[in-house]
Amino acid sequence: MFKGAGVAILTPFKNGQVDLEAYGKLVDFQLEKGIQCLVVLGTTGEASTLNETEREDMVQLTVNKAKGKVPVIVGAGSNNTAIAVKYAKQAEALGADGVLVVTPYYNKATQNGLVAHFTAVAEAVDVPVVLYNVPSRTGVNIEPATVARLAEVKNIVGIKEASGNISQVLEIKRLVPADFMIWSGNDDNILPIYSVGGHGVISVMANMIPGETQAMCEAFMAGRIEEAIQLQVKTKKLFNLLFMEVNPIPIKAALYLMGMMANELRLPLTPMEPDNMEQLKQEMIRLNIIQ
């Protein structure tokens, strides 16, 4: 699929509607700055609040702009397997290069249930499928042995690992085939996951600093480890601020401060608290992201 930095891209809103003009400019910004993959309709993209027409418009615009430049991976997760299959088929029909499928939330399936769920999605499409493990949001963890079982499904090609458990990632690496891809789902785990055999990141902060995020990945892959460490350390406080409220509230505030979109989310998400936003603003000034 890709190595390096992929972006879990935001969905801009304006007056309650998806702002496709602002979204198109954000996609252009990502491509200009060297991002390696566009991941649309994920958690950061507020996919759970988008209707089918909005989903289709977002995917089509992304594919049209990115085709032939970088891969497009579309979020197709649901706690209803039939809906996840439907979303995956829609993404494939619109020209996506792959789909990202999160663990079913709220239902909290067993490990056997997870295998059945992901297998059903993978068998419904021909494009590559990426697992997404984020137990802090879904309430269920994909155990390493389960990942190994799923890696045997022909078009399940990798995992976005956001458990924050590096020991678990190492165990996944031990169990899966050599060509199975592992991406960090947390911006502060990019180098730790690289160090145990990972392949990059599907990043939130890349919405704001795609070039710097890709530079960190490139430095590590080129063996310039100290340079990569310094970039990871440099962005640590920024990462903390981007998760002081639930994602994507802070990253949307950051893009608003950069003049790239309205500071508008869909309920139940609400804009960042003023005091928190001021802290984020000051760190962005310190890093010369804004003046």
C-alpha atoms as a PDB file:
ATOM      1  CA  MET A   1       0.000   0.000   0.000  1.00  0.00           C
ATOM      2  CA  PHE A   2       2.453   2.674   1.183  1.00  0.00           C
ATOM      3  CA  LYS A   3       5.404   3.342   3.461  1.00  0.00           C
ATOM      4  CA  GLY A   4       5.866   6.587   5.363  1.00  0.00           C
ATOM      5  CA  ALA A   5       3.204   9.096   6.329  1.00  0.00           C
ATOM      6  CA  GLY A   6      -0.440   8.757   5.401  1.00  0.00           C
ATOM      7  CA  VAL A   7      -2.945  11.340   6.601  1.00  0.00           C
ATOM      8  CA  ALA A   8      -6.222  10.576   8.365  1.00  0.00           C
ATOM      9  CA  ILE A   9      -7.780  13.512   6.600  1.00  0.00           C
ATOM     10  CA  LEU A  10     -10.353  15.910   8.041  1.00  0.00           C
ATOM     11  CA  THR A  11     -13.833  16.617   6.683  1.00  0.00           C
ATOM     12  CA  PRO A  12     -14.456  20.401   6.601  1.00  0.00           C
ATOM     13  CA  PHE A  13     -17.979  21.652   7.259  1.00  0.00           C
ATOM     14  CA  LYS A  14     -19.544  25.025   6.474  1.00  0.00           C
ATOM     15  CA  ASN A  15     -23.025  25.998   7.628  1.00  0.00           C
ATOM     16  CA  GLY A  16     -23.818  22.377   8.359  1.00  0.00           C
ATOM     17  CA  GLN A  17     -22.748  21.038   4.969  1.00  0.00           C
ATOM     18  CA  VAL A  18     -19.567  19.307   3.810  1.00  0.00           C
ATOM     19  CA  ASP A  19     -17.291  22.026   2.427  1.00  0.00           C
ATOM     20  CA  LEU A  20     -15.911  20.309  -0.669  1.00  0.00           C
ATOM     21  CA  GLU A  21     -14.019  23.430  -1.755  1.00  0.00           C
ATOM     22  CA  ALA A  22     -12.054  23.539   1.501  1.00  0.00           C
ATOM     23  CA  TYR A  23     -11.598  19.779   1.366  1.00  0.00           C
ATOM     24  CA  GLY A  24     -10.169  19.939  -2.148  1.00  0.00           C
ATOM     25  CA  LYS A  25      -7.648  22.557  -1.020  1.00  0.00           C
ATOM     26  CA  LEU A  26      -6.668  20.368   1.934  1.00  0.00           C
ATOM     27  CA  VAL A  27      -6.084  17.408  -0.400  1.00  0.00           C
ATOM     28  CA  ASP A  28      -3.950  19.622  -2.665  1.00  0.00           C
ATOM     29  CA  PHE A  29      -1.959  20.814   0.366  1.00  0.00           C
ATOM     30  CA  GLN A  30      -1.275  17.215   1.401  1.00  0.00           C
ATOM     31  CA  LEU A  31      -0.125  16.197  -2.064  1.00  0.00           C
ATOM     32  CA  GLU A  32       2.115  19.265  -2.438  1.00  0.00           C
ATOM     33  CA  LYS A  33       3.817  18.520   0.892  1.00  0.00           C
ATOM     34  CA  GLY A  34       4.646  14.919   0.005  1.00  0.00           C
ATOM     35  CA  ILE A  35       2.112  12.859   1.931  1.00  0.00           C
ATOM     36  CA  GLN A  36       2.250   9.201   0.895  1.00  0.00           C
ATOM     37  CA  CYS A  37      -1.396   8.185   1.305  1.00  0.00           C
ATOM     38  CA  LEU A  38      -4.811   9.801   1.786  1.00  0.00           C
ATOM     39  CA  VAL A  39      -7.068   8.052   4.304  1.00  0.00           C
ATOM     40  CA  VAL A  40     -10.563   9.487   3.964  1.00  0.00           C
ATOM     41  CA  LEU A  41     -13.723   8.833   6.020  1.00  0.00           C
ATOM     42  CA  GLY A  42     -11.938   7.697   9.134  1.00  0.00           C
ATOM     43  CA  THR A  43     -12.457   8.746  12.741  1.00  0.00           C
ATOM     44  CA  THR A  44     -10.663  12.047  12.110  1.00  0.00           C
ATOM     45  CA  GLY A  45     -12.941  12.613   9.115  1.00  0.00           C
ATOM     46  CA  GLU A  46     -16.081  12.340  11.291  1.00  0.00           C
ATOM     47  CA  ALA A  47     -17.334   9.565   9.020  1.00  0.00           C
ATOM     48  CA  SER A  48     -19.921   8.410  11.532  1.00  0.00           C
ATOM     49  CA  THR A  49     -21.923  11.623  10.957  1.00  0.00           C
ATOM     50  CA  LEU A  50     -21.824  11.621   7.147  1.00  0.00           C
ATOM     51  CA  ASN A  51     -24.684  10.409   4.973  1.00  0.00           C
ATOM     52  CA  GLU A  52     -24.201   8.192   1.923  1.00  0.00           C
ATOM     53  CA  THR A  53     -24.212  11.040  -0.596  1.00  0.00           C
ATOM     54  CA  GLU A  54     -21.609  12.949   1.400  1.00  0.00           C
ATOM     55  CA  ARG A  55     -19.453   9.836   1.669  1.00  0.00           C
ATOM     56  CA  GLU A  56     -19.632   9.317  -2.083  1.00  0.00           C
ATOM     57  CA  ASP A  57     -18.765  12.941  -2.821  1.00  0.00           C
ATOM     58  CA  MET A  58     -15.758  12.828  -0.485  1.00  0.00           C
ATOM     59  CA  VAL A  59     -14.387   9.614  -1.934  1.00  0.00           C
ATOM     60  CA  GLN A  60     -14.910  10.680  -5.541  1.00  0.00           C
ATOM     61  CA  LEU A  61     -13.161  14.011  -5.044  1.00  0.00           C
ATOM     62  CA  THR A  62     -10.245  12.334  -3.263  1.00  0.00           C
ATOM     63  CA  VAL A  63      -9.820   9.683  -5.943  1.00  0.00           C
ATOM     64  CA  ASN A  64     -10.011  12.262  -8.736  1.00  0.00           C
ATOM     65  CA  LYS A  65      -7.261  14.378  -7.186  1.00  0.00           C
ATOM     66  CA  ALA A  66      -4.980  11.601  -5.979  1.00  0.00           C
ATOM     67  CA  LYS A  67      -5.271   8.884  -8.610  1.00  0.00           C
ATOM     68  CA  GLY A  68      -1.866   7.974  -9.937  1.00  0.00           C
ATOM     69  CA  LYS A  69      -0.094  10.067  -7.295  1.00  0.00           C
ATOM     70  CA  VAL A  70      -0.743   8.384  -3.951  1.00  0.00           C
ATOM     71  CA  PRO A  71      -3.094   5.605  -2.827  1.00  0.00           C
ATOM     72  CA  VAL A  72      -6.527   6.432  -1.424  1.00  0.00           C
ATOM     73  CA  ILE A  73      -7.757   4.317   1.491  1.00  0.00           C
ATOM     74  CA  VAL A  74     -11.407   4.737   2.480  1.00  0.00           C
ATOM     75  CA  GLY A  75     -12.804   4.138   5.958  1.00  0.00           C
ATOM     76  CA  ALA A  76     -15.462   1.435   5.702  1.00  0.00           C
ATOM     77  CA  GLY A  77     -15.906   0.514   9.348  1.00  0.00           C
ATOM     78  CA  SER A  78     -19.195  -0.095  11.125  1.00  0.00           C
ATOM     79  CA  ASN A  79     -20.482  -2.086  14.074  1.00  0.00           C
ATOM     80  CA  ASN A  80     -22.900  -3.655  11.585  1.00  0.00           C
ATOM     81  CA  THR A  81     -21.038  -6.062   9.302  1.00  0.00           C
ATOM     82  CA  ALA A  82     -23.552  -5.650   6.479  1.00  0.00           C
ATOM     83  CA  ILE A  83     -23.026  -1.883   6.505  1.00  0.00           C
ATOM     84  CA  ALA A  84     -19.243  -2.295   6.541  1.00  0.00           C
ATOM     85  CA  VAL A  85     -19.547  -4.567   3.494  1.00  0.00           C
ATOM     86  CA  LYS A  86     -21.745  -1.972   1.790  1.00  0.00           C
ATOM     87  CA  TYR A  87     -19.272   0.849   2.481  1.00  0.00           C
ATOM     88  CA  ALA A  88     -16.339  -1.266   1.270  1.00  0.00           C
ATOM     89  CA  LYS A  89     -18.123  -2.107  -1.982  1.00  0.00           C
ATOM     90  CA  GLN A  90     -19.001   1.564  -2.502  1.00  0.00           C
ATOM     91  CA  ALA A  91     -15.373   2.578  -1.970  1.00  0.00           C
ATOM     92  CA  GLU A  92     -14.143  -0.038  -4.429  1.00  0.00           C
ATOM     93  CA  ALA A  93     -16.694   1.035  -7.043  1.00  0.00           C
ATOM     94  CA  LEU A  94     -15.546   4.660  -6.714  1.00  0.00           C
ATOM     95  CA  GLY A  95     -11.920   3.765  -7.376  1.00  0.00           C
ATOM     96  CA  ALA A  96     -10.414   3.511  -3.893  1.00  0.00           C
ATOM     97  CA  ASP A  97      -7.109   1.670  -3.617  1.00  0.00           C
ATOM     98  CA  GLY A  98      -8.036   0.058  -0.318  1.00  0.00           C
ATOM     99  CA  VAL A  99     -10.369   0.192   2.668  1.00  0.00           C
ATOM    100  CA  LEU A 100      -9.730   0.744   6.369  1.00  0.00           C
ATOM    101  CA  VAL A 101     -12.016  -1.272   8.639  1.00  0.00           C
ATOM    102  CA  VAL A 102     -12.232  -0.496  12.352  1.00  0.00           C
ATOM    103  CA  THR A 103     -13.167  -3.074  14.969  1.00  0.00           C
ATOM    104  CA  PRO A 104     -16.925  -3.142  15.590  1.00  0.00           C
ATOM    105  CA  TYR A 105     -17.685  -0.735  18.435  1.00  0.00           C
ATOM    106  CA  TYR A 106     -20.395  -0.997  21.110  1.00  0.00           C
ATOM    107  CA  ASN A 107     -21.260  -4.580  20.107  1.00  0.00           C
ATOM    108  CA  LYS A 108     -17.768  -5.635  21.311  1.00  0.00           C
ATOM    109  CA  ALA A 109     -17.367  -8.861  19.348  1.00  0.00           C
ATOM    110  CA  THR A 110     -15.322 -11.821  20.548  1.00  0.00           C
ATOM    111  CA  GLN A 111     -12.047 -12.606  18.794  1.00  0.00           C
ATOM    112  CA  ASN A 112     -13.894 -15.177  16.673  1.00  0.00           C
ATOM    113  CA  GLY A 113     -16.486 -12.509  15.908  1.00  0.00           C
ATOM    114  CA  LEU A 114     -13.736 -10.148  14.778  1.00  0.00           C
ATOM    115  CA  VAL A 115     -12.354 -12.784  12.437  1.00  0.00           C
ATOM    116  CA  ALA A 116     -15.821 -13.354  10.969  1.00  0.00           C
ATOM    117  CA  HIS A 117     -16.473  -9.607  10.619  1.00  0.00           C
ATOM    118  CA  PHE A 118     -13.208  -8.687   8.886  1.00  0.00           C
ATOM    119  CA  THR A 119     -13.291 -11.798   6.706  1.00  0.00           C
ATOM    120  CA  ALA A 120     -16.804 -10.956   5.512  1.00  0.00           C
ATOM    121  CA  VAL A 121     -15.661  -7.487   4.451  1.00  0.00           C
ATOM    122  CA  ALA A 122     -12.494  -8.759   2.793  1.00  0.00           C
ATOM    123  CA  GLU A 123     -14.357 -11.436   0.828  1.00  0.00           C
ATOM    124  CA  ALA A 124     -16.843  -8.868  -0.484  1.00  0.00           C
ATOM    125  CA  VAL A 125     -14.201  -6.777  -2.301  1.00  0.00           C
ATOM    126  CA  ASP A 126     -11.027  -7.234  -4.312  1.00  0.00           C
ATOM    127  CA  VAL A 127      -9.155  -4.175  -3.020  1.00  0.00           C
ATOM    128  CA  PRO A 128      -6.748  -4.497  -0.077  1.00  0.00           C
ATOM    129  CA  VAL A 129      -8.211  -4.322   3.431  1.00  0.00           C
ATOM    130  CA  VAL A 130      -6.439  -2.659   6.361  1.00  0.00           C
ATOM    131  CA  LEU A 131      -7.495  -3.575   9.902  1.00  0.00           C
ATOM    132  CA  TYR A 132      -7.869  -0.715  12.390  1.00  0.00           C
ATOM    133  CA  ASN A 133      -7.279  -1.441  16.060  1.00  0.00           C
ATOM    134  CA  VAL A 134      -8.159   1.408  18.440  1.00  0.00           C
ATOM    135  CA  PRO A 135      -9.448  -0.165  21.671  1.00  0.00           C
ATOM    136  CA  SER A 136      -9.627   3.154  23.529  1.00  0.00           C
ATOM    137  CA  ARG A 137     -12.499   4.146  21.208  1.00  0.00           C
ATOM    138  CA  THR A 138     -14.119   0.819  20.376  1.00  0.00           C
ATOM    139  CA  GLY A 139     -13.832  -1.065  23.649  1.00  0.00           C
ATOM    140  CA  VAL A 140     -12.317  -4.167  22.006  1.00  0.00           C
ATOM    141  CA  ASN A 141      -8.737  -5.127  21.156  1.00  0.00           C
ATOM    142  CA  ILE A 142      -7.627  -7.212  18.168  1.00  0.00           C
ATOM    143  CA  GLU A 143      -5.262  -9.658  19.829  1.00  0.00           C
ATOM    144  CA  PRO A 144      -2.006 -10.520  18.023  1.00  0.00           C
ATOM    145  CA  ALA A 145      -3.073 -14.117  17.421  1.00  0.00           C
ATOM    146  CA  THR A 146      -6.263 -12.812  15.819  1.00  0.00           C
ATOM    147  CA  VAL A 147      -4.281 -10.479  13.575  1.00  0.00           C
ATOM    148  CA  ALA A 148      -2.202 -13.495  12.514  1.00  0.00           C
ATOM    149  CA  ARG A 149      -5.378 -15.426  11.627  1.00  0.00           C
ATOM    150  CA  LEU A 150      -6.680 -12.486   9.612  1.00  0.00           C
ATOM    151  CA  ALA A 151      -3.350 -12.056   7.821  1.00  0.00           C
ATOM    152  CA  GLU A 152      -4.099 -15.387   6.142  1.00  0.00           C
ATOM    153  CA  VAL A 153      -7.092 -13.817   4.341  1.00  0.00           C
ATOM    154  CA  LYS A 154      -5.767 -13.038   0.887  1.00  0.00           C
ATOM    155  CA  ASN A 155      -6.561  -9.310   0.689  1.00  0.00           C
ATOM    156  CA  ILE A 156      -6.111  -8.324   4.340  1.00  0.00           C
ATOM    157  CA  VAL A 157      -2.734  -6.636   3.940  1.00  0.00           C
ATOM    158  CA  GLY A 158      -2.017  -4.704   7.124  1.00  0.00           C
ATOM    159  CA  ILE A 159      -3.126  -3.030  10.329  1.00  0.00           C
ATOM    160  CA  LYS A 160      -3.359   0.491  11.685  1.00  0.00           C
ATOM    161  CA  GLU A 161      -2.296  -0.120  15.275  1.00  0.00           C
ATOM    162  CA  ALA A 162      -3.498   2.496  17.771  1.00  0.00           C
ATOM    163  CA  SER A 163      -3.515   0.445  20.959  1.00  0.00           C
ATOM    164  CA  GLY A 164      -0.435   2.264  22.231  1.00  0.00           C
ATOM    165  CA  ASN A 165       0.959  -1.118  23.319  1.00  0.00           C
ATOM    166  CA  ILE A 166       4.372  -1.542  21.688  1.00  0.00           C
ATOM    167  CA  SER A 167       4.760  -5.033  23.135  1.00  0.00           C
ATOM    168  CA  GLN A 168       1.562  -6.004  21.329  1.00  0.00           C
ATOM    169  CA  VAL A 169       2.859  -4.559  18.069  1.00  0.00           C
ATOM    170  CA  LEU A 170       6.075  -6.555  18.474  1.00  0.00           C
ATOM    171  CA  GLU A 171       4.042  -9.728  19.013  1.00  0.00           C
ATOM    172  CA  ILE A 172       2.008  -8.981  15.879  1.00  0.00           C
ATOM    173  CA  LYS A 173       5.257  -8.567  13.950  1.00  0.00           C
ATOM    174  CA  ARG A 174       6.461 -11.932  15.271  1.00  0.00           C
ATOM    175  CA  LEU A 175       3.307 -13.734  14.161  1.00  0.00           C
ATOM    176  CA  VAL A 176       2.414 -12.240  10.781  1.00  0.00           C
ATOM    177  CA  PRO A 177       4.054 -12.814   7.354  1.00  0.00           C
ATOM    178  CA  ALA A 178       6.954 -10.549   6.425  1.00  0.00           C
ATOM    179  CA  ASP A 179       4.893  -8.637   3.861  1.00  0.00           C
ATOM    180  CA  PHE A 180       2.073  -7.776   6.290  1.00  0.00           C
ATOM    181  CA  MET A 181       2.094  -3.999   6.845  1.00  0.00           C
ATOM    182  CA  ILE A 182       1.924  -2.287  10.256  1.00  0.00           C
ATOM    183  CA  TRP A 183       1.242   1.435  10.576  1.00  0.00           C
ATOM    184  CA  SER A 184       1.145   3.462  13.755  1.00  0.00           C
ATOM    185  CA  GLY A 185      -2.237   4.969  14.545  1.00  0.00           C
ATOM    186  CA  ASN A 186      -0.701   7.345  17.097  1.00  0.00           C
ATOM    187  CA  ASP A 187       1.591  10.209  16.121  1.00  0.00           C
ATOM    188  CA  ASP A 188       3.713   9.800  19.245  1.00  0.00           C
ATOM    189  CA  ASN A 189       4.327   6.118  18.432  1.00  0.00           C
ATOM    190  CA  ILE A 190       5.776   6.577  14.940  1.00  0.00           C
ATOM    191  CA  LEU A 191       9.372   5.774  15.842  1.00  0.00           C
ATOM    192  CA  PRO A 192       8.556   3.107  18.464  1.00  0.00           C
ATOM    193  CA  ILE A 193       6.490   1.218  15.887  1.00  0.00           C
ATOM    194  CA  TYR A 194       9.165   1.663  13.225  1.00  0.00           C
ATOM    195  CA  SER A 195      11.652   0.200  15.703  1.00  0.00           C
ATOM    196  CA  VAL A 196       9.724  -3.082  15.937  1.00  0.00           C
ATOM    197  CA  GLY A 197       9.282  -3.462  12.183  1.00  0.00           C
ATOM    198  CA  GLY A 198       6.477  -1.057  11.328  1.00  0.00           C
ATOM    199  CA  HIS A 199       6.055   0.767   8.041  1.00  0.00           C
ATOM    200  CA  GLY A 200       4.901   4.297   8.927  1.00  0.00           C
ATOM    201  CA  VAL A 201       1.894   6.125  10.289  1.00  0.00           C
ATOM    202  CA  ILE A 202      -1.697   7.024   9.499  1.00  0.00           C
ATOM    203  CA  SER A 203      -1.459  10.438  11.071  1.00  0.00           C
ATOM    204  CA  VAL A 204      -3.715  13.077  12.594  1.00  0.00           C
ATOM    205  CA  MET A 205      -1.095  15.802  12.895  1.00  0.00           C
ATOM    206  CA  ALA A 206      -0.222  15.389   9.206  1.00  0.00           C
ATOM    207  CA  ASN A 207      -3.374  17.370   8.452  1.00  0.00           C
ATOM    208  CA  MET A 208      -1.411  20.336   9.801  1.00  0.00           C
ATOM    209  CA  ILE A 209       2.244  19.405   9.144  1.00  0.00           C
ATOM    210  CA  PRO A 210       2.315  16.765   6.380  1.00  0.00           C
ATOM    211  CA  GLY A 211       5.822  17.647   5.232  1.00  0.00           C
ATOM    212  CA  GLU A 212       7.325  17.365   8.697  1.00  0.00           C
ATOM    213  CA  THR A 213       5.507  14.098   9.396  1.00  0.00           C
ATOM    214  CA  GLN A 214       6.796  12.574   6.169  1.00  0.00           C
ATOM    215  CA  ALA A 215      10.284  13.940   6.879  1.00  0.00           C
ATOM    216  CA  MET A 216      10.327  12.065  10.191  1.00  0.00           C
ATOM    217  CA  CYS A 217       9.421   8.836   8.419  1.00  0.00           C
ATOM    218  CA  GLU A 218      11.965   9.391   5.652  1.00  0.00           C
ATOM    219  CA  ALA A 219      14.730  10.118   8.160  1.00  0.00           C
ATOM    220  CA  PHE A 220      14.104   6.855   9.987  1.00  0.00           C
ATOM    221  CA  MET A 221      13.833   4.817   6.775  1.00  0.00           C
ATOM    222  CA  ALA A 222      17.120   6.345   5.541  1.00  0.00           C
ATOM    223  CA  GLY A 223      18.905   5.428   8.762  1.00  0.00           C
ATOM    224  CA  ARG A 224      19.132   9.012  10.048  1.00  0.00           C
ATOM    225  CA  ILE A 225      17.823   7.894  13.411  1.00  0.00           C
ATOM    226  CA  GLU A 226      18.930  10.874  15.510  1.00  0.00           C
ATOM    227  CA  GLU A 227      17.259  13.262  13.064  1.00  0.00           C
ATOM    228  CA  ALA A 228      14.045  11.224  13.245  1.00  0.00           C
ATOM    229  CA  ILE A 229      14.183  11.220  17.059  1.00  0.00           C
ATOM    230  CA  GLN A 230      14.557  14.987  17.163  1.00  0.00           C
ATOM    231  CA  LEU A 231      11.518  15.424  14.919  1.00  0.00           C
ATOM    232  CA  GLN A 232       9.482  13.049  17.097  1.00  0.00           C
ATOM    233  CA  VAL A 233      10.519  14.905  20.252  1.00  0.00           C
ATOM    234  CA  LYS A 234       9.822  18.276  18.619  1.00  0.00           C
ATOM    235  CA  THR A 235       6.198  17.322  17.913  1.00  0.00           C
ATOM    236  CA  LYS A 236       5.463  15.598  21.247  1.00  0.00           C
ATOM    237  CA  LYS A 237       3.881  18.603  22.943  1.00  0.00           C
ATOM    238  CA  LEU A 238       1.889  19.348  19.806  1.00  0.00           C
ATOM    239  CA  PHE A 239       0.604  15.768  19.841  1.00  0.00           C
ATOM    240  CA  ASN A 240      -0.398  16.119  23.494  1.00  0.00           C
ATOM    241  CA  LEU A 241      -2.375  19.267  22.695  1.00  0.00           C
ATOM    242  CA  LEU A 242      -4.042  17.626  19.697  1.00  0.00           C
ATOM    243  CA  PHE A 243      -5.462  14.999  22.041  1.00  0.00           C
ATOM    244  CA  MET A 244      -6.313  17.142  25.072  1.00  0.00           C
ATOM    245  CA  GLU A 245      -9.885  16.957  23.765  1.00  0.00           C
ATOM    246  CA  VAL A 246     -11.347  14.128  21.739  1.00  0.00           C
ATOM    247  CA  ASN A 247     -10.040  13.830  18.169  1.00  0.00           C
ATOM    248  CA  PRO A 248     -10.784  15.533  15.756  1.00  0.00           C
ATOM    249  CA  ILE A 249     -11.800  18.590  17.819  1.00  0.00           C
ATOM    250  CA  PRO A 250      -8.238  19.979  18.297  1.00  0.00           C
ATOM    251  CA  ILE A 251      -6.912  19.219  14.804  1.00  0.00           C
ATOM    252  CA  LYS A 252      -9.923  20.958  13.287  1.00  0.00           C
ATOM    253  CA  ALA A 253      -9.219  23.968  15.531  1.00  0.00           C
ATOM    254  CA  ALA A 254      -5.615  23.899  14.276  1.00  0.00           C
ATOM    255  CA  LEU A 255      -6.666  23.943  10.619  1.00  0.00           C
ATOM    256  CA  TYR A 256      -9.046  26.796  11.450  1.00  0.00           C
ATOM    257  CA  LEU A 257      -6.140  28.736  12.957  1.00  0.00           C
ATOM    258  CA  MET A 258      -4.243  28.104   9.716  1.00  0.00           C
ATOM    259  CA  GLY A 259      -7.140  29.604   7.742  1.00  0.00           C
ATOM    260  CA  MET A 260      -7.901  26.354   5.928  1.00  0.00           C
ATOM    261  CA  MET A 261     -11.446  25.622   7.119  1.00  0.00           C
ATOM    262  CA  ALA A 262     -14.212  26.678   9.471  1.00  0.00           C
ATOM    263  CA  ASN A 263     -13.980  25.532  13.088  1.00  0.00           C
ATOM    264  CA  GLU A 264     -17.159  23.535  12.635  1.00  0.00           C
ATOM    265  CA  LEU A 265     -17.917  19.966  13.681  1.00  0.00           C
ATOM    266  CA  ARG A 266     -21.054  17.853  13.718  1.00  0.00           C
ATOM    267  CA  LEU A 267     -22.776  16.997  16.949  1.00  0.00           C
ATOM    268  CA  PRO A 268     -22.093  15.351  19.271  1.00  0.00           C
ATOM    269  CA  LEU A 269     -18.680  16.990  18.739  1.00  0.00           C
ATOM    270  CA  THR A 270     -18.357  20.654  19.681  1.00  0.00           C
ATOM    271  CA  PRO A 271     -15.560  23.212  19.068  1.00  0.00           C
ATOM    272  CA  MET A 272     -12.468  23.263  21.252  1.00  0.00           C
ATOM    273  CA  GLU A 273     -12.708  25.027  24.597  1.00  0.00           C
ATOM    274  CA  PRO A 274     -11.221  28.557  24.353  1.00  0.00           C
ATOM    275  CA  ASP A 275      -8.512  28.024  26.985  1.00  0.00           C
ATOM    276  CA  ASN A 276      -7.383  24.802  25.320  1.00  0.00           C
ATOM    277  CA  MET A 277      -7.441  26.407  21.894  1.00  0.00           C
ATOM    278  CA  GLU A 278      -5.193  29.200  23.156  1.00  0.00           C
ATOM    279  CA  GLN A 279      -2.647  26.628  24.362  1.00  0.00           C
ATOM    280  CA  LEU A 280      -2.736  24.970  20.948  1.00  0.00           C
ATOM    281  CA  LYS A 281      -2.356  28.326  19.221  1.00  0.00           C
ATOM    282  CA  GLN A 282       0.719  29.245  21.273  1.00  0.00           C
ATOM    283  CA  GLU A 283       2.418  25.941  20.475  1.00  0.00           C
ATOM    284  CA  MET A 284       1.650  26.399  16.773  1.00  0.00           C
ATOM    285  CA  ILE A 285       3.236  29.856  16.954  1.00  0.00           C
ATOM    286  CA  ARG A 286       6.271  28.420  18.729  1.00  0.00           C
ATOM    287  CA  LEU A 287       6.699  25.837  15.959  1.00  0.00           C
ATOM    288  CA  ASN A 288       6.222  28.505  13.246  1.00  0.00           C
ATOM    289  CA  ILE A 289       3.127  26.788  11.888  1.00  0.00           C
ATOM    290  CA  ILE A 290       1.257  30.077  12.218  1.00  0.00           C
ATOM    291  CA  GLN A 291       2.423  33.624  12.971  1.00  0.00           C
END
